[in-house]
N, C-alpha and C. Protein backbone atom coordinates (compact mmCIF):
# COMPACT_ATOMS: atom_id res chain seq x y z
N MET A 1 0.74 -1.42 0.05
CA MET A 1 -0.08 0.09 -0.33
C MET A 1 1.12 1.36 0.10
N THR A 2 0.62 2.35 -0.92
CA THR A 2 1.78 3.36 -1.11
C THR A 2 0.85 4.64 -0.23
N LEU A 3 2.05 4.88 0.67
CA LEU A 3 1.10 5.82 1.55
C LEU A 3 1.69 7.68 1.48
N TYR A 4 2.40 7.70 0.63
CA TYR A 4 3.37 8.62 0.27
C TYR A 4 4.07 8.72 -1.15
N GLN A 5 4.17 9.63 -1.81
CA GLN A 5 4.38 9.74 -3.26
C GLN A 5 5.14 11.24 -3.79
N THR A 6 6.35 11.09 -4.08
CA THR A 6 6.61 12.66 -4.85
C THR A 6 7.25 12.10 -6.23
N PRO A 7 7.87 12.73 -7.00
CA PRO A 7 8.83 12.51 -8.19
C PRO A 7 9.96 12.23 -7.53
N ASP A 8 10.07 12.50 -6.36
CA ASP A 8 11.90 11.92 -5.79
C ASP A 8 11.62 10.77 -4.85
N ALA A 9 10.84 10.38 -4.62
CA ALA A 9 10.54 9.48 -3.69
C ALA A 9 8.89 9.00 -3.08
N SER A 10 8.84 7.70 -2.46
CA SER A 10 7.89 6.27 -2.70
C SER A 10 7.90 6.09 -0.96
N LEU A 11 6.67 5.77 -0.30
CA LEU A 11 6.86 5.62 1.04
C LEU A 11 5.85 4.28 0.56
N THR A 12 5.85 3.03 0.84
CA THR A 12 5.01 1.92 0.86
C THR A 12 5.22 1.09 1.90
N TYR A 13 3.77 0.21 2.28
CA TYR A 13 3.81 -0.36 3.15
C TYR A 13 3.39 -1.56 2.80
N HIS A 14 4.09 -2.90 3.24
CA HIS A 14 3.79 -4.39 2.67
C HIS A 14 3.49 -4.98 4.40
N PRO A 15 2.45 -5.38 3.99
CA PRO A 15 1.51 -5.72 5.52
C PRO A 15 2.36 -7.35 5.65
N ALA A 16 2.25 -8.10 4.73
CA ALA A 16 2.97 -9.20 5.16
C ALA A 16 4.50 -9.75 5.74
N THR A 17 5.28 -8.45 5.91
CA THR A 17 6.25 -8.51 6.30
C THR A 17 6.46 -7.35 7.26
N GLU A 18 5.32 -6.66 7.66
CA GLU A 18 5.37 -5.43 8.69
C GLU A 18 6.40 -4.53 8.07
N THR A 19 6.68 -4.11 7.18
CA THR A 19 7.99 -3.28 6.36
C THR A 19 7.64 -2.00 5.81
N LEU A 20 8.17 -1.00 6.10
CA LEU A 20 8.30 0.15 5.39
C LEU A 20 8.85 0.15 4.60
N HIS A 21 9.01 0.59 3.37
CA HIS A 21 9.90 0.59 2.16
C HIS A 21 10.11 2.35 1.54
N LEU A 22 11.15 2.76 1.96
CA LEU A 22 11.18 4.35 1.67
C LEU A 22 12.20 4.21 0.35
N SER A 23 11.69 4.53 -0.97
CA SER A 23 12.63 4.40 -2.13
C SER A 23 12.72 5.75 -2.49
N TYR A 24 13.89 6.29 -2.52
CA TYR A 24 14.43 7.53 -3.14
C TYR A 24 14.94 7.17 -4.54
N ASN A 25 14.71 7.95 -5.39
CA ASN A 25 14.79 7.85 -6.97
C ASN A 25 15.51 8.71 -7.47
N ALA A 26 15.31 9.88 -6.98
CA ALA A 26 16.35 11.15 -7.55
C ALA A 26 18.20 10.76 -8.09
N THR A 27 17.98 11.61 -8.51
CA THR A 27 19.75 11.42 -9.55
C THR A 27 20.55 12.06 -8.35
N ARG A 28 20.46 12.12 -7.36
CA ARG A 28 21.22 12.66 -5.99
C ARG A 28 20.10 13.03 -4.88
N LEU A 29 20.85 13.20 -3.71
CA LEU A 29 20.58 13.16 -2.49
C LEU A 29 20.19 14.65 -2.39
N SER A 30 19.04 14.95 -2.08
CA SER A 30 18.52 16.40 -1.66
C SER A 30 17.84 16.63 -0.34
N THR A 31 17.40 17.68 -0.44
CA THR A 31 16.66 18.18 1.01
C THR A 31 15.32 17.62 0.79
N SER A 32 14.83 16.78 -0.23
CA SER A 32 13.26 16.51 -0.47
C SER A 32 13.69 14.53 -0.06
N PHE A 33 14.97 14.85 -0.02
CA PHE A 33 15.47 13.41 0.44
C PHE A 33 15.15 13.15 2.58
N ALA A 34 15.48 14.20 2.83
CA ALA A 34 15.09 14.24 4.22
C ALA A 34 13.84 14.40 4.69
N LEU A 35 13.08 15.21 3.76
CA LEU A 35 11.60 15.16 4.32
C LEU A 35 10.74 13.65 3.73
N ALA A 36 11.52 12.99 2.86
CA ALA A 36 10.77 11.72 2.83
C ALA A 36 11.08 10.58 3.75
N TYR A 37 12.24 10.78 4.63
CA TYR A 37 12.74 10.30 5.91
C TYR A 37 12.12 10.85 6.77
N GLN A 38 11.66 11.85 7.08
CA GLN A 38 10.96 12.02 8.21
C GLN A 38 9.47 11.71 8.23
N ARG A 39 8.94 11.55 7.15
CA ARG A 39 7.42 11.31 6.64
C ARG A 39 7.74 9.55 7.11
N ALA A 40 8.53 8.91 6.64
CA ALA A 40 8.64 7.16 6.62
C ALA A 40 8.75 7.08 8.21
N LEU A 41 9.75 8.14 9.14
CA LEU A 41 9.66 7.91 10.42
C LEU A 41 8.24 8.28 11.39
N GLN A 42 7.60 9.52 10.67
CA GLN A 42 5.67 9.56 11.30
C GLN A 42 5.61 8.23 10.52
N GLU A 43 5.25 7.96 10.27
CA GLU A 43 4.02 6.52 9.76
C GLU A 43 5.00 5.59 10.34
N MET A 44 6.33 5.13 10.85
CA MET A 44 6.26 4.34 11.53
C MET A 44 5.78 4.19 13.09
N ARG A 45 5.83 5.73 13.63
CA ARG A 45 5.11 5.84 15.26
C ARG A 45 3.61 5.83 14.96
N ARG A 46 3.24 6.17 13.60
CA ARG A 46 1.89 6.39 13.22
C ARG A 46 0.74 5.24 13.45
N GLN A 47 1.59 4.15 12.62
CA GLN A 47 1.29 2.94 12.00
C GLN A 47 1.93 1.58 13.33
N ASN A 48 2.53 2.41 14.13
CA ASN A 48 3.52 0.98 15.23
C ASN A 48 3.77 0.34 14.27
N VAL A 49 4.85 0.20 13.23
CA VAL A 49 5.87 -0.03 12.11
C VAL A 49 7.10 -0.45 12.65
N GLY A 50 7.48 -1.67 12.81
CA GLY A 50 9.02 -1.19 13.38
C GLY A 50 10.26 -1.51 12.75
N LYS A 51 9.85 -1.87 11.23
CA LYS A 51 10.77 -1.85 10.20
C LYS A 51 10.45 -1.17 9.04
N LEU A 52 12.04 -0.28 8.98
CA LEU A 52 11.43 0.34 7.50
C LEU A 52 13.54 -0.25 6.66
N LEU A 53 13.00 -0.42 5.22
CA LEU A 53 13.84 -0.47 4.41
C LEU A 53 14.10 0.66 3.66
N LEU A 54 14.93 1.34 3.65
CA LEU A 54 15.85 2.73 2.80
C LEU A 54 16.20 2.68 1.85
N ASP A 55 15.78 2.01 0.78
CA ASP A 55 16.57 2.48 -0.71
C ASP A 55 17.54 3.54 -1.38
N LEU A 56 18.24 3.80 -1.19
CA LEU A 56 19.13 4.58 -1.92
C LEU A 56 20.36 4.42 -2.32
N LYS A 57 19.90 3.01 -3.11
CA LYS A 57 20.91 2.84 -3.77
C LYS A 57 21.47 3.36 -5.11
N ARG A 58 20.43 4.02 -6.17
CA ARG A 58 20.30 4.42 -7.14
C ARG A 58 21.23 5.94 -7.14
N ASN A 59 21.20 6.70 -6.00
CA ASN A 59 21.51 7.71 -5.75
C ASN A 59 22.80 8.17 -4.73
N ALA A 60 22.83 7.10 -3.94
CA ALA A 60 23.83 7.23 -2.77
C ALA A 60 25.61 7.92 -3.63
N PRO A 61 26.13 9.29 -3.08
CA PRO A 61 26.89 9.13 -3.42
C PRO A 61 28.18 8.28 -3.24
N PRO A 62 29.12 8.26 -4.29
CA PRO A 62 30.03 7.42 -4.07
C PRO A 62 31.31 8.20 -2.82
N THR A 63 31.04 9.35 -1.68
CA THR A 63 32.08 9.61 -1.46
C THR A 63 30.93 10.20 0.00
N ASP A 64 31.18 10.99 0.58
CA ASP A 64 31.16 11.80 1.54
C ASP A 64 30.75 13.26 1.68
N GLU A 65 30.87 13.42 -0.05
CA GLU A 65 30.27 14.48 -0.43
C GLU A 65 28.47 15.19 0.02
N GLU A 66 27.78 13.99 1.03
CA GLU A 66 26.02 14.10 1.28
C GLU A 66 26.35 13.99 2.91
N GLU A 67 27.35 14.05 3.25
CA GLU A 67 27.44 13.52 4.57
C GLU A 67 26.22 14.39 5.57
N HIS A 68 26.29 15.26 5.52
CA HIS A 68 25.33 16.38 6.08
C HIS A 68 23.97 16.25 5.81
N ILE A 69 23.56 15.22 4.89
CA ILE A 69 21.97 14.37 4.51
C ILE A 69 22.13 12.77 4.93
N LEU A 70 23.01 12.10 5.08
CA LEU A 70 23.20 10.68 5.60
C LEU A 70 23.49 10.79 7.01
N ALA A 71 24.48 11.62 7.41
CA ALA A 71 24.93 11.39 8.91
C ALA A 71 23.75 11.55 9.92
N PRO A 72 22.26 12.27 10.02
CA PRO A 72 21.48 11.95 10.21
C PRO A 72 20.47 11.10 10.37
N LEU A 73 21.04 9.93 9.60
CA LEU A 73 20.09 9.27 9.45
C LEU A 73 19.28 8.55 10.96
N ILE A 74 20.83 8.30 11.77
CA ILE A 74 20.02 7.26 12.69
C ILE A 74 20.10 8.85 13.97
N ASN A 75 20.40 10.11 13.75
CA ASN A 75 20.53 10.76 15.07
C ASN A 75 18.70 11.44 14.56
N ASP A 76 18.55 11.16 13.41
CA ASP A 76 16.67 11.95 13.41
C ASP A 76 15.91 10.96 14.07
N ILE A 77 16.49 9.98 14.53
CA ILE A 77 14.86 9.31 15.23
C ILE A 77 14.07 9.85 16.40
N PRO A 78 12.89 10.24 16.10
CA PRO A 78 12.11 10.75 16.85
C PRO A 78 12.18 9.86 18.25
N ALA A 79 11.54 10.86 19.91
CA ALA A 79 11.75 10.32 20.90
C ALA A 79 10.38 9.32 20.99
N GLY A 80 9.46 9.49 20.33
CA GLY A 80 7.98 9.07 19.95
C GLY A 80 8.36 7.35 20.09
N LEU A 81 9.53 7.20 18.90
CA LEU A 81 9.66 5.82 18.95
C LEU A 81 10.36 5.02 19.90
N THR A 82 9.66 4.37 20.69
CA THR A 82 10.14 3.59 21.95
C THR A 82 10.12 2.52 21.71
N ARG A 83 9.55 1.97 21.06
CA ARG A 83 9.80 -0.01 21.07
C ARG A 83 10.84 -0.26 19.75
N PRO A 84 11.19 -1.36 19.81
CA PRO A 84 12.36 -1.87 18.74
C PRO A 84 12.45 -1.10 17.67
N ILE A 85 13.22 -0.63 16.90
CA ILE A 85 13.08 -0.01 15.84
C ILE A 85 13.92 -0.65 15.22
N PHE A 86 14.10 -1.03 13.53
CA PHE A 86 15.11 -2.16 12.50
C PHE A 86 14.92 -1.14 10.78
N ILE A 87 16.25 -1.01 11.02
CA ILE A 87 16.58 -0.04 9.55
C ILE A 87 17.58 -0.82 8.95
N ALA A 88 17.13 -0.79 7.65
CA ALA A 88 18.44 -0.81 7.14
C ALA A 88 18.48 -0.11 5.96
N ALA A 89 19.29 0.31 5.66
CA ALA A 89 19.96 1.56 4.11
C ALA A 89 20.46 0.87 3.29
N VAL A 90 20.14 0.61 2.11
CA VAL A 90 20.54 0.00 1.00
C VAL A 90 21.63 1.34 0.25
N LEU A 91 22.76 1.11 0.13
CA LEU A 91 23.53 2.39 -0.43
C LEU A 91 24.62 1.69 -1.40
N SER A 92 25.25 2.90 -2.19
CA SER A 92 26.09 2.47 -2.60
C SER A 92 27.68 1.68 -2.58
N GLU A 93 28.27 0.91 -3.08
CA GLU A 93 29.35 0.44 -1.91
C GLU A 93 30.57 1.60 -1.38
N GLY A 94 30.56 2.64 -2.16
CA GLY A 94 31.38 3.91 -1.96
C GLY A 94 31.08 4.30 -0.88
N GLN A 95 29.71 4.67 -0.76
CA GLN A 95 29.08 5.02 0.40
C GLN A 95 28.87 4.24 1.74
N TYR A 96 28.61 3.34 1.58
CA TYR A 96 28.36 2.32 2.44
C TYR A 96 30.24 1.86 3.25
N GLN A 97 30.77 2.15 2.33
CA GLN A 97 32.25 1.98 3.18
C GLN A 97 32.73 3.45 3.79
N HIS A 98 32.32 4.11 3.29
CA HIS A 98 32.29 6.02 4.15
C HIS A 98 31.00 5.39 5.67
N GLN A 99 29.94 5.03 5.39
CA GLN A 99 28.97 5.18 6.89
C GLN A 99 29.64 3.99 7.77
N ILE A 100 30.28 2.77 6.96
CA ILE A 100 30.71 2.15 7.82
C ILE A 100 31.99 2.48 8.85
N GLY A 101 32.99 3.35 8.13
CA GLY A 101 33.83 3.61 8.58
C GLY A 101 33.48 4.56 9.67
N ASN A 102 32.81 5.71 9.22
CA ASN A 102 32.00 6.79 10.68
C ASN A 102 31.75 5.56 11.73
N TYR A 103 31.28 5.11 11.08
CA TYR A 103 30.47 3.87 12.38
C TYR A 103 30.94 3.02 13.45
N SER A 104 32.11 2.73 12.92
CA SER A 104 33.29 2.09 13.18
C SER A 104 34.34 2.75 14.01
N ALA A 105 33.70 4.09 13.74
CA ALA A 105 34.39 4.94 14.46
C ALA A 105 34.00 5.71 15.61
N GLY A 106 32.79 4.91 15.88
CA GLY A 106 32.12 6.08 16.76
C GLY A 106 31.43 7.36 16.86
N LEU A 107 31.67 7.46 15.21
CA LEU A 107 30.79 8.89 15.12
C LEU A 107 29.32 8.68 14.94
N LEU A 108 28.83 7.63 14.78
CA LEU A 108 27.74 7.29 14.00
C LEU A 108 26.31 6.94 15.46
N MET A 109 26.28 6.61 16.42
CA MET A 109 25.83 5.75 16.59
C MET A 109 24.35 5.53 17.34
N PRO A 110 23.54 4.72 16.86
CA PRO A 110 22.04 4.78 17.22
C PRO A 110 21.77 4.85 18.71
N PRO A 111 20.50 5.32 18.87
CA PRO A 111 20.08 5.46 20.64
C PRO A 111 19.64 3.52 20.48
N GLU A 112 19.61 3.33 22.09
CA GLU A 112 19.72 2.16 22.17
C GLU A 112 18.36 1.66 22.04
N HIS A 113 17.25 1.35 21.37
CA HIS A 113 16.36 0.70 21.25
C HIS A 113 15.90 0.70 19.28
N VAL A 114 17.33 1.22 18.90
CA VAL A 114 17.13 1.44 17.37
C VAL A 114 18.62 0.48 16.78
N GLU A 115 17.87 -0.51 15.84
CA GLU A 115 19.44 -1.24 15.29
C GLU A 115 19.00 -0.38 13.87
N PHE A 116 20.21 -0.18 13.61
CA PHE A 116 20.68 0.54 12.06
C PHE A 116 21.61 -0.18 11.42
N ASN A 117 21.44 -0.42 10.01
CA ASN A 117 22.41 -1.50 9.41
C ASN A 117 22.46 -1.12 7.88
N TYR A 118 23.77 -0.98 7.33
CA TYR A 118 23.62 -0.88 6.67
C TYR A 118 24.21 -1.76 4.90
N PHE A 119 24.10 -1.70 3.94
CA PHE A 119 24.01 -2.66 2.76
C PHE A 119 23.82 -2.06 1.46
N THR A 120 24.97 -2.96 0.69
CA THR A 120 24.77 -2.85 -0.63
C THR A 120 23.95 -4.04 -1.01
N SER A 121 23.24 -4.36 -0.81
CA SER A 121 21.91 -5.74 -1.43
C SER A 121 20.76 -5.73 -0.72
N ARG A 122 19.79 -5.29 -1.49
CA ARG A 122 18.68 -4.71 -1.50
C ARG A 122 18.07 -6.61 -0.47
N HIS A 123 18.41 -7.32 -1.69
CA HIS A 123 17.95 -8.77 -0.93
C HIS A 123 18.42 -9.30 0.76
N GLU A 124 19.76 -8.64 0.83
CA GLU A 124 20.46 -9.01 2.32
C GLU A 124 19.88 -7.78 3.45
N ALA A 125 19.46 -6.84 2.81
CA ALA A 125 18.73 -5.94 3.81
C ALA A 125 17.30 -6.21 4.16
N SER A 126 16.62 -6.99 3.25
CA SER A 126 15.28 -7.59 3.58
C SER A 126 15.64 -9.06 4.50
N ALA A 127 16.39 -9.59 3.71
CA ALA A 127 16.20 -10.93 5.29
C ALA A 127 16.88 -10.37 6.31
N TRP A 128 17.66 -9.53 6.36
CA TRP A 128 18.09 -8.29 7.81
C TRP A 128 16.84 -8.41 8.15
N LEU A 129 16.04 -7.36 8.09
CA LEU A 129 14.64 -7.28 8.52
C LEU A 129 14.09 -8.28 8.70
N SER A 130 13.62 -9.14 8.06
CA SER A 130 12.60 -10.08 8.21
C SER A 130 13.54 -10.91 9.31
N ASP A 131 14.50 -11.28 9.54
CA ASP A 131 15.17 -11.81 10.90
C ASP A 131 14.94 -11.33 11.99
N ASN A 132 14.62 -10.02 11.97
CA ASN A 132 14.12 -9.19 13.02
C ASN A 132 13.00 -9.00 13.47
């Protein structure tokens, strides 16, 4: 079921897996991504959904150029989401390496009730979400 759609993004809910799927289709990340991500977090709270597949693979920058947009992914989780939350972000290989480097350095730590994982494969991200 489609919950939100713009030319840049679509947010769908899959009841069989109880997962929200945010697909961002613009050719580069922009403010519209931040708005779509916030909408997904709001829907998670409103519908009491604990899983989000965040698909950025088509447009994730190969380097740190968009850190000001990607870094807040973990930090923007609203306080109202207190149940266990699982977010799988599908990124390009270059962005994956950058994000893992920041995570390993302790720069990007999620809140205690949030498990945030990065993937380069949509299949692996979906499998991780289904296991949680």
